[in-house]
Amino acid sequence: MVNRFPCYDELLMAKFKPVKKGGGKKQPANPGALPCVVIVISGILLLSMLFYWVLSSGK
């Protein structure tokens, strides 16, 4: 059987490279986690203060 599209297989097939062992750079686990934690904690504090103000003004 004659292949009508000779480049068809080459376009669809992924090309994998072998992983190099040992030479990887070590990066910190997640450098963006600390600002996210600060934003979440400040949001919780602001909501707590808002709820306290709403409940204390109803006396």
C-alpha atoms as a PDB file:
ATOM      1  CA  MET A   1       0.000   0.000   0.000  1.00  0.00           C
ATOM      2  CA  VAL A   2       1.372   3.394  -0.986  1.00  0.00           C
ATOM      3  CA  ASN A   3       1.397   6.132   1.621  1.00  0.00           C
ATOM      4  CA  ARG A   4      -0.402   9.099   0.068  1.00  0.00           C
ATOM      5  CA  PHE A   5       0.739  11.550   2.773  1.00  0.00           C
ATOM      6  CA  PRO A   6       4.425  10.893   3.543  1.00  0.00           C
ATOM      7  CA  CYS A   7       4.725  13.762   6.061  1.00  0.00           C
ATOM      8  CA  TYR A   8       1.478  12.942   7.877  1.00  0.00           C
ATOM      9  CA  ASP A   9       3.066  10.611  10.444  1.00  0.00           C
ATOM     10  CA  GLU A  10       5.923  13.021  11.098  1.00  0.00           C
ATOM     11  CA  LEU A  11       3.539  15.886  11.851  1.00  0.00           C
ATOM     12  CA  LEU A  12       1.424  13.938  14.335  1.00  0.00           C
ATOM     13  CA  MET A  13       4.121  11.994  16.133  1.00  0.00           C
ATOM     14  CA  ALA A  14       5.693  13.682  19.168  1.00  0.00           C
ATOM     15  CA  LYS A  15       9.445  13.839  19.419  1.00  0.00           C
ATOM     16  CA  PHE A  16      10.781  12.860  22.834  1.00  0.00           C
ATOM     17  CA  LYS A  17      14.255  13.578  24.130  1.00  0.00           C
ATOM     18  CA  PRO A  18      15.807  11.424  26.857  1.00  0.00           C
ATOM     19  CA  VAL A  19      15.993  12.998  30.304  1.00  0.00           C
ATOM     20  CA  LYS A  20      19.451  14.074  31.395  1.00  0.00           C
ATOM     21  CA  LYS A  21      20.357  12.597  34.749  1.00  0.00           C
ATOM     22  CA  GLY A  22      21.795  14.589  37.649  1.00  0.00           C
ATOM     23  CA  GLY A  23      22.416  17.923  35.958  1.00  0.00           C
ATOM     24  CA  GLY A  24      19.161  19.607  36.930  1.00  0.00           C
ATOM     25  CA  LYS A  25      19.067  22.940  38.738  1.00  0.00           C
ATOM     26  CA  LYS A  26      17.404  22.862  42.138  1.00  0.00           C
ATOM     27  CA  GLN A  27      14.774  25.556  42.575  1.00  0.00           C
ATOM     28  CA  PRO A  28      12.744  26.479  45.644  1.00  0.00           C
ATOM     29  CA  ALA A  29       9.556  24.483  46.077  1.00  0.00           C
ATOM     30  CA  ASN A  30       7.098  27.321  45.421  1.00  0.00           C
ATOM     31  CA  PRO A  31       8.409  30.889  45.640  1.00  0.00           C
ATOM     32  CA  GLY A  32       4.935  32.397  45.109  1.00  0.00           C
ATOM     33  CA  ALA A  33       3.342  30.709  48.126  1.00  0.00           C
ATOM     34  CA  LEU A  34       4.231  33.333  50.750  1.00  0.00           C
ATOM     35  CA  PRO A  35       2.453  36.293  49.088  1.00  0.00           C
ATOM     36  CA  CYS A  36      -0.588  34.103  48.536  1.00  0.00           C
ATOM     37  CA  VAL A  37      -0.689  33.135  52.212  1.00  0.00           C
ATOM     38  CA  VAL A  38      -0.374  36.796  53.236  1.00  0.00           C
ATOM     39  CA  ILE A  39      -3.277  37.775  50.955  1.00  0.00           C
ATOM     40  CA  VAL A  40      -5.492  34.957  52.257  1.00  0.00           C
ATOM     41  CA  ILE A  41      -4.784  35.768  55.921  1.00  0.00           C
ATOM     42  CA  SER A  42      -5.375  39.495  55.377  1.00  0.00           C
ATOM     43  CA  GLY A  43      -8.667  38.695  53.627  1.00  0.00           C
ATOM     44  CA  ILE A  44      -9.779  36.521  56.559  1.00  0.00           C
ATOM     45  CA  LEU A  45      -8.879  39.298  59.004  1.00  0.00           C
ATOM     46  CA  LEU A  46     -10.747  41.932  56.997  1.00  0.00           C
ATOM     47  CA  LEU A  47     -13.858  39.749  56.783  1.00  0.00           C
ATOM     48  CA  SER A  48     -13.675  39.027  60.510  1.00  0.00           C
ATOM     49  CA  MET A  49     -13.460  42.744  61.308  1.00  0.00           C
ATOM     50  CA  LEU A  50     -16.372  43.458  58.952  1.00  0.00           C
ATOM     51  CA  PHE A  51     -18.564  40.783  60.567  1.00  0.00           C
ATOM     52  CA  TYR A  52     -17.631  42.040  64.055  1.00  0.00           C
ATOM     53  CA  TRP A  53     -18.520  45.613  63.061  1.00  0.00           C
ATOM     54  CA  VAL A  54     -21.868  44.523  61.569  1.00  0.00           C
ATOM     55  CA  LEU A  55     -22.803  42.433  64.618  1.00  0.00           C
ATOM     56  CA  SER A  56     -21.686  45.051  67.166  1.00  0.00           C
ATOM     57  CA  SER A  57     -23.626  47.841  65.440  1.00  0.00           C
ATOM     58  CA  GLY A  58     -26.874  45.894  65.835  1.00  0.00           C
ATOM     59  CA  LYS A  59     -26.938  46.176  69.671  1.00  0.00           C
END
